[in-house]
Amino acid sequence: METGKVIQIKAKPELTIVQKHTQNFETLRGAFLQDSVGLVECTENSTGEKIAVICAISKDKEGTVTITPFAKFFNGNPYELLTPPI
């Protein structure tokens, strides 16, 4: 057995929040290009508040409609609710 040999293992870098959502963003972008996006009024379960949600909307051959939520609009001034990166 050899001694003194160093094995380096590189850890995967942690993905940023934006990187984690890139695939969903691309799916939503494709839905916009196919004119398959709608603005749907939903109720937020945790608060009971009515919110506007951007959804991809698809219909299969049997006519079943699937609504996939992607993003919600702010019910207030987003400039007062968020701190953007510098």
N, C-alpha and C. Protein backbone atom coordinates (compact mmCIF):
# COMPACT_ATOMS: atom_id res chain seq x y z
N MET A 1 0.83 -1.17 0.00
CA MET A 1 0.00 0.00 0.00
C MET A 1 0.88 1.24 0.00
N GLU A 2 0.55 2.18 -0.91
CA GLU A 2 1.32 3.40 -0.98
C GLU A 2 0.90 4.35 0.13
N THR A 3 1.87 5.07 0.63
CA THR A 3 1.56 6.08 1.65
C THR A 3 1.91 7.45 1.11
N GLY A 4 1.32 8.45 1.67
CA GLY A 4 1.63 9.82 1.30
C GLY A 4 0.92 10.29 0.03
N LYS A 5 0.02 9.47 -0.51
CA LYS A 5 -0.71 9.86 -1.71
C LYS A 5 -1.92 10.69 -1.30
N VAL A 6 -2.10 11.83 -1.97
CA VAL A 6 -3.20 12.72 -1.64
C VAL A 6 -4.26 12.59 -2.72
N ILE A 7 -5.47 12.38 -2.29
CA ILE A 7 -6.60 12.32 -3.22
C ILE A 7 -7.45 13.56 -2.97
N GLN A 8 -7.66 14.32 -4.05
CA GLN A 8 -8.48 15.52 -3.92
C GLN A 8 -9.87 15.25 -4.48
N ILE A 9 -10.86 15.63 -3.74
CA ILE A 9 -12.24 15.50 -4.17
C ILE A 9 -12.84 16.90 -4.20
N LYS A 10 -13.35 17.28 -5.37
CA LYS A 10 -13.96 18.60 -5.48
C LYS A 10 -15.45 18.47 -5.21
N ALA A 11 -15.91 19.28 -4.29
CA ALA A 11 -17.34 19.31 -3.99
C ALA A 11 -18.06 20.08 -5.09
N LYS A 12 -19.28 19.65 -5.38
CA LYS A 12 -20.08 20.38 -6.35
C LYS A 12 -20.45 21.73 -5.75
N PRO A 13 -20.29 22.80 -6.54
CA PRO A 13 -20.69 24.10 -6.00
C PRO A 13 -22.21 24.17 -5.81
N GLU A 14 -22.62 24.85 -4.79
CA GLU A 14 -24.05 25.01 -4.50
C GLU A 14 -24.68 25.88 -5.58
N LEU A 15 -25.82 25.45 -6.10
CA LEU A 15 -26.52 26.23 -7.11
C LEU A 15 -27.20 27.43 -6.46
N THR A 16 -27.22 28.54 -7.17
CA THR A 16 -27.95 29.70 -6.68
C THR A 16 -29.44 29.46 -6.88
N ILE A 17 -30.25 30.27 -6.25
CA ILE A 17 -31.70 30.15 -6.40
C ILE A 17 -32.09 30.28 -7.87
N VAL A 18 -31.47 31.24 -8.56
CA VAL A 18 -31.78 31.45 -9.98
C VAL A 18 -31.40 30.21 -10.80
N GLN A 19 -30.25 29.64 -10.54
CA GLN A 19 -29.83 28.44 -11.28
C GLN A 19 -30.79 27.28 -11.06
N LYS A 20 -31.33 27.16 -9.87
CA LYS A 20 -32.27 26.08 -9.56
C LYS A 20 -33.58 26.23 -10.34
N HIS A 21 -33.92 27.45 -10.72
CA HIS A 21 -35.19 27.71 -11.41
C HIS A 21 -35.03 27.87 -12.92
N THR A 22 -33.83 27.70 -13.44
CA THR A 22 -33.59 27.90 -14.86
C THR A 22 -34.45 26.99 -15.73
N GLN A 23 -34.56 25.72 -15.39
CA GLN A 23 -35.35 24.80 -16.21
C GLN A 23 -36.83 25.21 -16.22
N ASN A 24 -37.37 25.59 -15.07
CA ASN A 24 -38.76 26.05 -15.03
C ASN A 24 -38.94 27.32 -15.86
N PHE A 25 -37.96 28.22 -15.81
CA PHE A 25 -38.03 29.44 -16.60
C PHE A 25 -38.06 29.12 -18.10
N GLU A 26 -37.22 28.18 -18.52
CA GLU A 26 -37.19 27.79 -19.93
C GLU A 26 -38.50 27.13 -20.35
N THR A 27 -39.10 26.34 -19.48
CA THR A 27 -40.40 25.73 -19.76
C THR A 27 -41.46 26.81 -19.92
N LEU A 28 -41.45 27.79 -19.03
CA LEU A 28 -42.40 28.89 -19.10
C LEU A 28 -42.18 29.71 -20.37
N ARG A 29 -40.93 29.96 -20.71
CA ARG A 29 -40.62 30.71 -21.94
C ARG A 29 -41.19 29.98 -23.15
N GLY A 30 -41.01 28.66 -23.19
CA GLY A 30 -41.56 27.87 -24.29
C GLY A 30 -43.08 27.95 -24.34
N ALA A 31 -43.72 27.95 -23.17
CA ALA A 31 -45.18 28.06 -23.12
C ALA A 31 -45.63 29.41 -23.68
N PHE A 32 -44.89 30.48 -23.37
CA PHE A 32 -45.22 31.79 -23.95
C PHE A 32 -45.09 31.76 -25.46
N LEU A 33 -44.04 31.13 -25.97
CA LEU A 33 -43.83 31.06 -27.41
C LEU A 33 -44.93 30.26 -28.11
N GLN A 34 -45.54 29.32 -27.39
CA GLN A 34 -46.61 28.50 -27.96
C GLN A 34 -47.99 29.08 -27.63
N ASP A 35 -48.03 30.27 -27.06
CA ASP A 35 -49.27 30.93 -26.67
C ASP A 35 -50.10 30.03 -25.74
N SER A 36 -49.42 29.41 -24.79
CA SER A 36 -50.06 28.47 -23.86
C SER A 36 -49.90 28.93 -22.42
N VAL A 37 -50.03 30.23 -22.19
CA VAL A 37 -49.86 30.79 -20.85
C VAL A 37 -51.11 31.58 -20.49
N GLY A 38 -51.49 31.48 -19.23
CA GLY A 38 -52.64 32.24 -18.77
C GLY A 38 -52.37 32.87 -17.42
N LEU A 39 -53.15 33.88 -17.11
CA LEU A 39 -53.10 34.51 -15.80
C LEU A 39 -54.33 34.00 -15.04
N VAL A 40 -54.08 33.27 -13.96
CA VAL A 40 -55.14 32.57 -13.24
C VAL A 40 -55.25 33.11 -11.82
N GLU A 41 -56.48 33.36 -11.37
CA GLU A 41 -56.68 33.78 -9.98
C GLU A 41 -56.71 32.53 -9.11
N CYS A 42 -55.82 32.50 -8.12
CA CYS A 42 -55.73 31.37 -7.21
C CYS A 42 -55.85 31.88 -5.78
N THR A 43 -56.03 30.96 -4.86
CA THR A 43 -56.04 31.29 -3.44
C THR A 43 -54.78 30.71 -2.82
N GLU A 44 -54.01 31.55 -2.15
CA GLU A 44 -52.81 31.07 -1.48
C GLU A 44 -53.21 30.32 -0.21
N ASN A 45 -52.81 29.07 -0.13
CA ASN A 45 -53.25 28.21 0.97
C ASN A 45 -52.86 28.74 2.35
N SER A 46 -51.66 29.28 2.47
CA SER A 46 -51.17 29.69 3.79
C SER A 46 -51.87 30.92 4.34
N THR A 47 -52.41 31.78 3.44
CA THR A 47 -53.00 33.04 3.91
C THR A 47 -54.47 33.20 3.54
N GLY A 48 -54.96 32.42 2.56
CA GLY A 48 -56.32 32.58 2.08
C GLY A 48 -56.47 33.76 1.12
N GLU A 49 -55.36 34.44 0.83
CA GLU A 49 -55.37 35.61 -0.04
C GLU A 49 -55.52 35.21 -1.50
N LYS A 50 -56.31 35.97 -2.25
CA LYS A 50 -56.44 35.76 -3.70
C LYS A 50 -55.20 36.36 -4.36
N ILE A 51 -54.58 35.59 -5.26
CA ILE A 51 -53.38 36.06 -5.95
C ILE A 51 -53.48 35.74 -7.43
N ALA A 52 -52.79 36.52 -8.25
CA ALA A 52 -52.70 36.27 -9.69
C ALA A 52 -51.46 35.41 -9.94
N VAL A 53 -51.65 34.33 -10.69
CA VAL A 53 -50.57 33.36 -10.93
C VAL A 53 -50.37 33.17 -12.43
N ILE A 54 -49.12 33.22 -12.87
CA ILE A 54 -48.79 32.92 -14.26
C ILE A 54 -48.72 31.40 -14.37
N CYS A 55 -49.52 30.84 -15.29
CA CYS A 55 -49.61 29.39 -15.43
C CYS A 55 -49.41 28.98 -16.89
N ALA A 56 -48.74 27.85 -17.08
CA ALA A 56 -48.73 27.20 -18.39
C ALA A 56 -50.02 26.39 -18.46
N ILE A 57 -50.67 26.42 -19.62
CA ILE A 57 -51.94 25.73 -19.77
C ILE A 57 -51.84 24.80 -20.97
N SER A 58 -52.17 23.53 -20.74
CA SER A 58 -52.13 22.57 -21.83
C SER A 58 -53.42 21.76 -21.85
N LYS A 59 -53.74 21.23 -23.03
CA LYS A 59 -54.94 20.42 -23.19
C LYS A 59 -54.53 19.15 -23.94
N ASP A 60 -54.93 17.98 -23.39
CA ASP A 60 -54.59 16.73 -24.08
C ASP A 60 -55.66 16.39 -25.10
N LYS A 61 -55.48 15.26 -25.79
CA LYS A 61 -56.39 14.86 -26.87
C LYS A 61 -57.82 14.62 -26.39
N GLU A 62 -57.98 14.24 -25.13
CA GLU A 62 -59.31 14.00 -24.57
C GLU A 62 -59.96 15.29 -24.08
N GLY A 63 -59.25 16.40 -24.16
CA GLY A 63 -59.80 17.68 -23.73
C GLY A 63 -59.53 18.04 -22.29
N THR A 64 -58.74 17.23 -21.59
CA THR A 64 -58.40 17.53 -20.21
C THR A 64 -57.39 18.68 -20.17
N VAL A 65 -57.73 19.71 -19.41
CA VAL A 65 -56.87 20.88 -19.29
C VAL A 65 -55.99 20.73 -18.05
N THR A 66 -54.70 21.00 -18.23
CA THR A 66 -53.75 20.98 -17.12
C THR A 66 -53.20 22.39 -16.93
N ILE A 67 -53.29 22.90 -15.72
CA ILE A 67 -52.78 24.22 -15.39
C ILE A 67 -51.58 24.03 -14.47
N THR A 68 -50.42 24.53 -14.90
CA THR A 68 -49.19 24.39 -14.13
C THR A 68 -48.74 25.77 -13.66
N PRO A 69 -48.81 26.04 -12.35
CA PRO A 69 -48.40 27.36 -11.85
C PRO A 69 -46.88 27.52 -11.89
N PHE A 70 -46.45 28.73 -12.29
CA PHE A 70 -45.02 29.01 -12.38
C PHE A 70 -44.59 30.20 -11.54
N ALA A 71 -45.41 31.24 -11.48
CA ALA A 71 -45.00 32.45 -10.76
C ALA A 71 -46.23 33.20 -10.29
N LYS A 72 -46.08 33.93 -9.21
CA LYS A 72 -47.20 34.72 -8.72
C LYS A 72 -46.84 36.20 -8.76
N PHE A 73 -47.87 37.01 -8.96
CA PHE A 73 -47.68 38.45 -8.93
C PHE A 73 -47.76 38.94 -7.50
N PHE A 74 -47.14 40.07 -7.26
CA PHE A 74 -47.18 40.69 -5.94
C PHE A 74 -48.51 41.41 -5.75
N ASN A 75 -49.10 41.30 -4.58
CA ASN A 75 -50.28 42.08 -4.22
C ASN A 75 -49.83 43.28 -3.40
N GLY A 76 -48.97 44.04 -3.95
CA GLY A 76 -48.42 45.22 -3.29
C GLY A 76 -47.29 45.74 -4.15
N ASN A 77 -46.62 46.73 -3.65
CA ASN A 77 -45.52 47.34 -4.39
C ASN A 77 -44.27 46.47 -4.22
N PRO A 78 -43.82 45.82 -5.30
CA PRO A 78 -42.65 44.94 -5.16
C PRO A 78 -41.39 45.69 -4.75
N TYR A 79 -41.32 46.98 -5.06
CA TYR A 79 -40.15 47.77 -4.65
C TYR A 79 -40.10 47.98 -3.15
N GLU A 80 -41.26 47.87 -2.51
CA GLU A 80 -41.30 47.96 -1.05
C GLU A 80 -41.14 46.60 -0.40
N LEU A 81 -41.37 45.53 -1.15
CA LEU A 81 -41.34 44.18 -0.59
C LEU A 81 -40.01 43.47 -0.80
N LEU A 82 -39.19 43.92 -1.76
CA LEU A 82 -37.97 43.22 -2.12
C LEU A 82 -36.74 44.11 -2.02
N THR A 83 -35.62 43.45 -1.81
CA THR A 83 -34.32 44.13 -1.89
C THR A 83 -33.57 43.46 -3.03
N PRO A 84 -33.40 44.17 -4.18
CA PRO A 84 -32.69 43.58 -5.30
C PRO A 84 -31.19 43.47 -5.01
N PRO A 85 -30.51 42.60 -5.77
CA PRO A 85 -29.06 42.50 -5.58
C PRO A 85 -28.38 43.80 -6.02
N ILE A 86 -27.28 44.07 -5.42
CA ILE A 86 -26.55 45.32 -5.76
C ILE A 86 -25.66 45.08 -6.95
